[in-house]
Structure formats: structure tokens, C-alpha cells
Amino acid sequence: MFERYKYLKFEREGRILRVTLNRPDRLNANNGPMHTEFSRVFSDIAEDRDSDVVILTGAGKAFSAGGDLDFLESCRSDAKLFHATLNEGKRLINSLLDLDKPIICRLNGDAVGLGATVALFCDIIIADEKARIADPHVKVGLSAGDGGAVIWPQLIGFARAKQYLLTGDMISAPQAVEMGLINFAVPTEELDPLVDKWAERLVSGAGLAIRSTKIAINAGLKQVAAAVLDASFATEFSTGRSEDHGEALKAMREKRRPEFKGQ
């Protein structure tokens, strides 16, 4: 089932499935093919009869840097590609919410943009204390449309969610624990032991009850996602065609600060 994947790596530890974002030379930032793989992987995991618990992590020093610059520029210049990408994003979020197997996020490093969104939709989030989390869509002239507008307010409330989504500011892992955004932040040497402890605890638990409880909890999140996703992806598309987004991409190429005009 997983042989067709290029940018996601799969390892089995009994009935625990470890999924690794595997583009470390680009900080696991999504290009087009990786984004497509992301959009279908959780549906494939749901069909995998040999796993009960999932560990999601990143190769190298980052969890995921979001979308890479080449991919963002391709989406801006090709409206058909951008529409397809947004549809993939919707499938990604919905498949995450549909998956009844518990997902532990091993947040080995920074999670940015879509990387942060995917991490925050996981069920138990265990971070290296040096990791940081941010959704900086607005810093590149985009609406936070890939699911961030769904999950951030549910975890930390609307006031704090607006603070971080409207600014794109970074949050350290210890800060994220304090505000309830993630579960744990530990020193590097304690990350794997704690992830393994939680994976073993969940895989040895009452599986049917655990999966049923996750389904019940996610029922409310699904209602929120149904209400928010269409609007958030529509605004991401419109801002993706904006002058500010074009300026942000140009500034990234030229390694300077963008000069936004609100257009």
C-alpha cells in the first residue's frame, strides 16, 4: 500500500506505524508531489489492517517548513494547479479527522504553516523543547486557509488564535505547552522515550474504546471544519493571486523584507 510514496517513509514496530516526512534537504517543506501524498496518506492508513497507532514525525532537523518557495510560485502562476492544491488540502484535513487510529506527533523540530496545521490535528503532540510552531501565512501575503483557522481556535481560544494567526509569530514548544497548544515539550534525549511510552500505552489499551472515543471527540471538530474550510480555502485562493503575495515571494527570492501594500 505504501510503496508508491516517495516523500513519506513508513516503518512498522509491531502494530505501531511510524510515518516520517522525508524531504530533509528542504526541511520537509511540501512540493507538489509531497502535498499530493499528504492528501491521501491518512486515508491509506485508515485502510491499513496492520496498524493501530500512528507516530508522525519529520526527517532531519525540522518537522516541516510548510510549502517550499518553488511550489508556492507554481501555485500563484497556475490557477488550475492552485485549485487542485486547495482541494488536496481539504482532503488532507478531512482524512485526518476521519482517521480513528490515534496519532502521536513526534515534533522533532520546527513546524511551520501546513506543517503546524498537520501537527496540531494530531491527538498527542510531543515536542523537542527546541522546536517552534508558527502559522505564518500572513507573512507571505496569504490567508491562513489550510486548516489553521479550524484548529488553532479550538486549542487555545479565539483571542490567542487571532494573535498568532494574524501575526504569524513563532511559539516555542514550552510556550505551546503552557497555552495548551501541544501536550509535552522535553529535552532532545527524552523525546523518543516519551513518544515510545505513549505509543505503547495506546497500542496496549482497549483499541475499540480508544478509537470510538476519538470518533466522538472529532465529531465536533468535523462540524467546525465543515463550517470553516470552504471559506478559508476560498480566501487562501484569492490572496494567492494578490500583489502582496507576489511581493512576498519575490522578497523571499531576494532575501529581503517584503513591502506590502494591502493589495
Protein backbone atom coordinates (compact mmCIF):
# COMPACT_ATOMS: atom_id res chain seq x y z
CA MET A 1 0.00 0.00 0.00
CA PHE A 2 2.75 2.45 0.93
CA GLU A 3 5.27 1.50 -1.78
CA ARG A 4 4.09 4.29 -4.08
CA TYR A 5 5.11 7.03 -1.64
CA LYS A 6 8.32 8.94 -2.36
CA TYR A 7 8.38 11.72 0.23
CA LEU A 8 6.84 9.84 3.16
CA LYS A 9 8.68 6.91 4.77
CA PHE A 10 6.94 4.11 6.65
CA GLU A 11 8.27 1.79 9.37
CA ARG A 12 6.44 -0.76 11.49
CA GLU A 13 7.06 -1.50 15.15
CA GLY A 14 4.52 -4.22 15.86
CA ARG A 15 1.14 -2.56 15.38
CA ILE A 16 2.65 0.92 15.56
CA LEU A 17 3.14 2.63 12.20
CA ARG A 18 5.80 5.34 12.06
CA VAL A 19 5.35 7.85 9.23
CA THR A 20 8.27 10.18 8.51
CA LEU A 21 8.13 13.29 6.34
CA ASN A 22 11.20 12.59 4.26
CA ARG A 23 12.48 15.66 2.45
CA PRO A 24 15.13 16.73 4.96
CA ASP A 25 17.21 18.74 2.47
CA ARG A 26 14.24 21.14 2.23
CA LEU A 27 13.24 20.96 5.91
CA ASN A 28 10.38 18.65 4.83
CA ALA A 29 8.68 21.52 3.04
CA ASN A 30 5.96 20.41 0.63
CA ASN A 31 6.47 20.41 -3.10
CA GLY A 32 3.62 19.38 -5.40
CA PRO A 33 4.13 15.60 -5.25
CA MET A 34 4.67 15.61 -1.48
CA HIS A 35 1.48 17.65 -0.98
CA THR A 36 -0.42 15.11 -3.08
CA GLU A 37 0.99 12.26 -0.97
CA PHE A 38 -0.06 14.09 2.20
CA SER A 39 -3.61 14.43 0.86
CA ARG A 40 -4.07 10.66 0.58
CA VAL A 41 -1.82 9.15 3.26
CA PHE A 42 -4.30 9.25 6.15
CA SER A 43 -6.97 7.57 4.03
CA ASP A 44 -4.44 4.83 3.21
CA ILE A 45 -3.51 4.50 6.89
CA ALA A 46 -7.19 4.06 7.72
CA GLU A 47 -7.24 1.05 5.36
CA ASP A 48 -4.03 -0.44 6.79
CA ARG A 49 -5.07 -3.54 8.76
CA ASP A 50 -1.65 -3.99 10.37
CA SER A 51 -1.53 -0.83 12.49
CA ASP A 52 -3.46 0.56 15.45
CA VAL A 53 -1.37 3.60 16.42
CA VAL A 54 0.48 6.12 14.23
CA ILE A 55 3.61 8.13 15.02
CA LEU A 56 4.09 11.12 12.69
CA THR A 57 7.48 12.84 12.58
CA GLY A 58 9.98 14.57 10.30
CA ALA A 59 13.40 13.55 9.00
CA GLY A 60 16.36 15.76 9.86
CA LYS A 61 16.18 18.86 11.99
CA ALA A 62 12.65 20.07 11.17
CA PHE A 63 9.17 18.59 11.35
CA SER A 64 8.01 20.57 8.32
CA ALA A 65 8.64 24.06 6.97
CA GLY A 66 5.25 24.17 5.23
CA GLY A 67 5.29 24.83 1.47
CA ASP A 68 8.52 25.36 -0.43
CA LEU A 69 9.09 28.50 -2.48
CA ASP A 70 9.07 26.83 -5.89
CA PHE A 71 5.73 25.19 -5.12
CA LEU A 72 4.20 28.46 -3.89
CA GLU A 73 5.34 30.25 -7.04
CA SER A 74 3.91 27.47 -9.23
CA CYS A 75 0.54 27.75 -7.49
CA ARG A 76 0.50 31.52 -7.90
CA SER A 77 1.18 31.33 -11.64
CA ASP A 78 -1.20 28.44 -12.37
CA ALA A 79 -4.79 28.88 -11.13
CA LYS A 80 -5.72 25.30 -12.08
CA LEU A 81 -2.83 23.92 -10.04
CA PHE A 82 -3.76 26.17 -7.11
CA HIS A 83 -7.37 24.92 -7.17
CA ALA A 84 -6.15 21.31 -7.25
CA THR A 85 -3.80 22.02 -4.34
CA LEU A 86 -6.59 23.55 -2.26
CA ASN A 87 -8.80 20.52 -2.94
CA GLU A 88 -5.93 18.32 -1.77
CA GLY A 89 -5.69 20.43 1.37
CA LYS A 90 -9.36 19.89 2.09
CA ARG A 91 -8.97 16.13 1.61
CA LEU A 92 -5.96 16.17 3.92
CA ILE A 93 -7.81 17.82 6.80
CA ASN A 94 -10.94 15.72 6.37
CA SER A 95 -8.95 12.48 6.19
CA LEU A 96 -7.08 13.45 9.36
CA LEU A 97 -10.40 13.95 11.12
CA ASP A 98 -11.83 10.71 9.72
CA LEU A 99 -8.90 8.55 10.86
CA ASP A 100 -9.93 6.76 14.06
CA LYS A 101 -6.44 5.46 14.90
CA PRO A 102 -4.67 7.69 17.45
CA ILE A 103 -1.84 9.78 16.00
CA ILE A 104 1.15 10.81 18.10
CA CYS A 105 3.08 13.73 16.65
CA ARG A 106 6.79 13.43 17.37
CA LEU A 107 7.61 17.11 16.86
CA ASN A 108 11.34 16.79 16.31
CA GLY A 109 11.81 20.38 15.12
CA ASP A 110 10.05 23.45 13.76
CA ALA A 111 6.52 23.05 12.40
CA VAL A 112 5.51 25.92 10.14
CA GLY A 113 2.40 26.65 8.06
CA LEU A 114 0.86 23.42 6.81
CA GLY A 115 3.40 21.56 8.95
CA ALA A 116 1.97 23.23 12.04
CA THR A 117 -1.60 22.52 10.93
CA VAL A 118 -0.96 18.80 10.47
CA ALA A 119 0.89 18.57 13.79
CA LEU A 120 -1.92 20.30 15.66
CA PHE A 121 -4.56 17.96 14.23
CA CYS A 122 -2.72 15.02 15.79
CA ASP A 123 -4.01 13.55 19.04
CA ILE A 124 -0.94 13.63 21.30
CA ILE A 125 1.78 16.15 20.43
CA ILE A 126 5.21 15.59 21.99
CA ALA A 127 7.86 18.15 21.05
CA ASP A 128 11.56 18.62 21.40
CA GLU A 129 11.81 21.65 23.67
CA LYS A 130 13.87 23.43 20.99
CA ALA A 131 11.08 23.13 18.42
CA ARG A 132 8.94 26.08 17.41
CA ILE A 133 5.44 26.33 15.94
CA ALA A 134 4.02 29.04 13.69
CA ASP A 135 1.42 29.62 11.00
CA PRO A 136 2.99 32.50 9.06
CA HIS A 137 0.62 32.58 6.09
CA VAL A 138 0.03 36.30 6.60
CA LYS A 139 3.78 36.94 6.42
CA VAL A 140 3.73 35.77 2.81
CA GLY A 141 0.51 37.59 1.96
CA LEU A 142 -1.78 34.57 2.27
CA SER A 143 -4.87 33.84 4.32
CA ALA A 144 -4.37 31.07 6.89
CA GLY A 145 -6.51 28.75 4.79
CA ASP A 146 -5.03 25.26 5.09
CA GLY A 147 -6.84 24.33 8.31
CA GLY A 148 -5.13 26.67 10.74
CA ALA A 149 -8.33 28.69 11.09
CA VAL A 150 -10.06 25.49 12.18
CA ILE A 151 -7.70 24.02 14.75
CA TRP A 152 -5.93 26.94 16.45
CA PRO A 153 -9.09 28.50 18.00
CA GLN A 154 -10.22 25.07 19.22
CA LEU A 155 -6.95 24.52 21.08
CA ILE A 156 -6.14 27.93 22.54
CA GLY A 157 -9.29 30.03 22.12
CA PHE A 158 -10.12 32.76 19.65
CA ALA A 159 -8.17 35.59 21.29
CA ARG A 160 -4.83 33.79 21.27
CA ALA A 161 -5.51 32.12 17.92
CA LYS A 162 -6.09 35.53 16.34
CA GLN A 163 -2.93 36.85 17.98
CA TYR A 164 -0.79 34.18 16.32
CA LEU A 165 -2.65 33.73 13.04
CA LEU A 166 -2.82 37.48 12.35
CA THR A 167 0.91 37.93 13.02
CA GLY A 168 2.49 34.57 12.14
CA ASP A 169 4.65 34.83 15.24
CA MET A 170 6.70 31.82 16.37
CA ILE A 171 5.84 29.97 19.57
CA SER A 172 8.43 27.93 21.43
CA ALA A 173 7.49 24.39 22.42
CA PRO A 174 7.45 25.20 26.16
CA GLN A 175 5.18 28.19 25.47
CA ALA A 176 2.94 25.97 23.37
CA VAL A 177 2.56 23.53 26.28
CA GLU A 178 1.76 26.36 28.68
CA MET A 179 -1.06 27.68 26.49
CA GLY A 180 -2.49 24.24 25.70
CA LEU A 181 -1.46 24.12 22.04
CA ILE A 182 0.55 20.88 22.46
CA ASN A 183 0.90 18.24 25.18
CA PHE A 184 4.59 17.93 26.07
CA ALA A 185 7.95 19.64 25.45
CA VAL A 186 11.02 17.71 26.58
CA PRO A 187 14.80 17.75 26.12
CA THR A 188 16.02 16.07 22.94
CA GLU A 189 17.26 12.96 24.73
CA GLU A 190 13.84 12.44 26.31
CA LEU A 191 11.80 12.83 23.12
CA ASP A 192 11.95 9.25 21.82
CA PRO A 193 11.44 7.57 25.20
CA LEU A 194 8.31 9.64 25.84
CA VAL A 195 6.94 9.08 22.32
CA ASP A 196 7.56 5.33 22.68
CA LYS A 197 5.92 5.30 26.11
CA TRP A 198 2.74 6.90 24.78
CA ALA A 199 2.67 4.72 21.67
CA GLU A 200 2.97 1.56 23.78
CA ARG A 201 0.33 2.82 26.19
CA LEU A 202 -2.14 3.45 23.39
CA VAL A 203 -1.39 0.29 21.42
CA SER A 204 -1.83 -1.85 24.54
CA GLY A 205 -5.07 -0.14 25.55
CA ALA A 206 -8.67 -1.00 24.70
CA GLY A 207 -8.40 -0.27 21.00
CA LEU A 208 -12.08 -0.20 20.15
CA ALA A 209 -12.83 2.14 23.06
CA ILE A 210 -9.90 4.41 22.16
CA ARG A 211 -10.91 4.65 18.51
CA SER A 212 -14.55 5.18 19.40
CA THR A 213 -13.64 7.97 21.80
CA LYS A 214 -11.56 9.69 19.13
CA ILE A 215 -14.50 9.46 16.72
CA ALA A 216 -16.79 11.07 19.30
CA ILE A 217 -14.35 13.88 20.03
CA ASN A 218 -13.70 14.56 16.35
CA ALA A 219 -17.42 14.79 15.60
CA GLY A 220 -17.41 18.32 16.93
CA LEU A 221 -14.22 19.20 15.07
CA LYS A 222 -15.77 17.92 11.85
CA GLN A 223 -18.66 20.33 12.30
CA VAL A 224 -16.23 23.21 12.75
CA ALA A 225 -14.18 22.10 9.74
CA ALA A 226 -17.30 21.86 7.57
CA ALA A 227 -18.21 25.42 8.53
CA VAL A 228 -14.73 26.92 8.11
CA LEU A 229 -12.76 25.07 5.43
CA ASP A 230 -14.63 26.28 2.34
CA ALA A 231 -14.33 29.90 3.42
CA SER A 232 -10.69 29.61 4.49
CA PHE A 233 -9.59 27.88 1.29
CA ALA A 234 -11.51 30.44 -0.79
CA THR A 235 -9.71 33.28 0.95
CA GLU A 236 -6.38 31.50 0.52
CA PHE A 237 -7.04 31.27 -3.23
CA SER A 238 -7.96 34.95 -3.51
CA THR A 239 -4.94 36.11 -1.51
CA GLY A 240 -2.76 33.72 -3.51
CA ARG A 241 -3.47 35.86 -6.56
CA SER A 242 -2.80 39.12 -4.71
CA GLU A 243 0.01 41.60 -5.28
CA ASP A 244 1.10 41.24 -1.65
CA HIS A 245 1.65 37.51 -2.08
CA GLY A 246 3.62 38.10 -5.26
CA GLU A 247 5.74 40.68 -3.44
CA ALA A 248 6.35 38.27 -0.56
CA LEU A 249 7.58 35.54 -2.90
CA LYS A 250 9.83 37.99 -4.72
CA ALA A 251 11.22 39.24 -1.41
CA MET A 252 11.99 35.67 -0.33
CA ARG A 253 13.97 35.15 -3.54
CA GLU A 254 15.84 38.41 -2.97
CA LYS A 255 16.35 37.72 0.77
CA ARG A 256 14.76 40.98 1.91
CA ARG A 257 11.72 42.14 3.82
CA PRO A 258 8.54 42.42 1.72
CA GLU A 259 6.89 45.78 1.21
CA PHE A 260 3.17 45.11 1.47
CA LYS A 261 0.54 47.46 0.03
CA GLY A 262 -2.60 45.67 1.19
CA GLN A 263 -3.48 44.67 -2.37
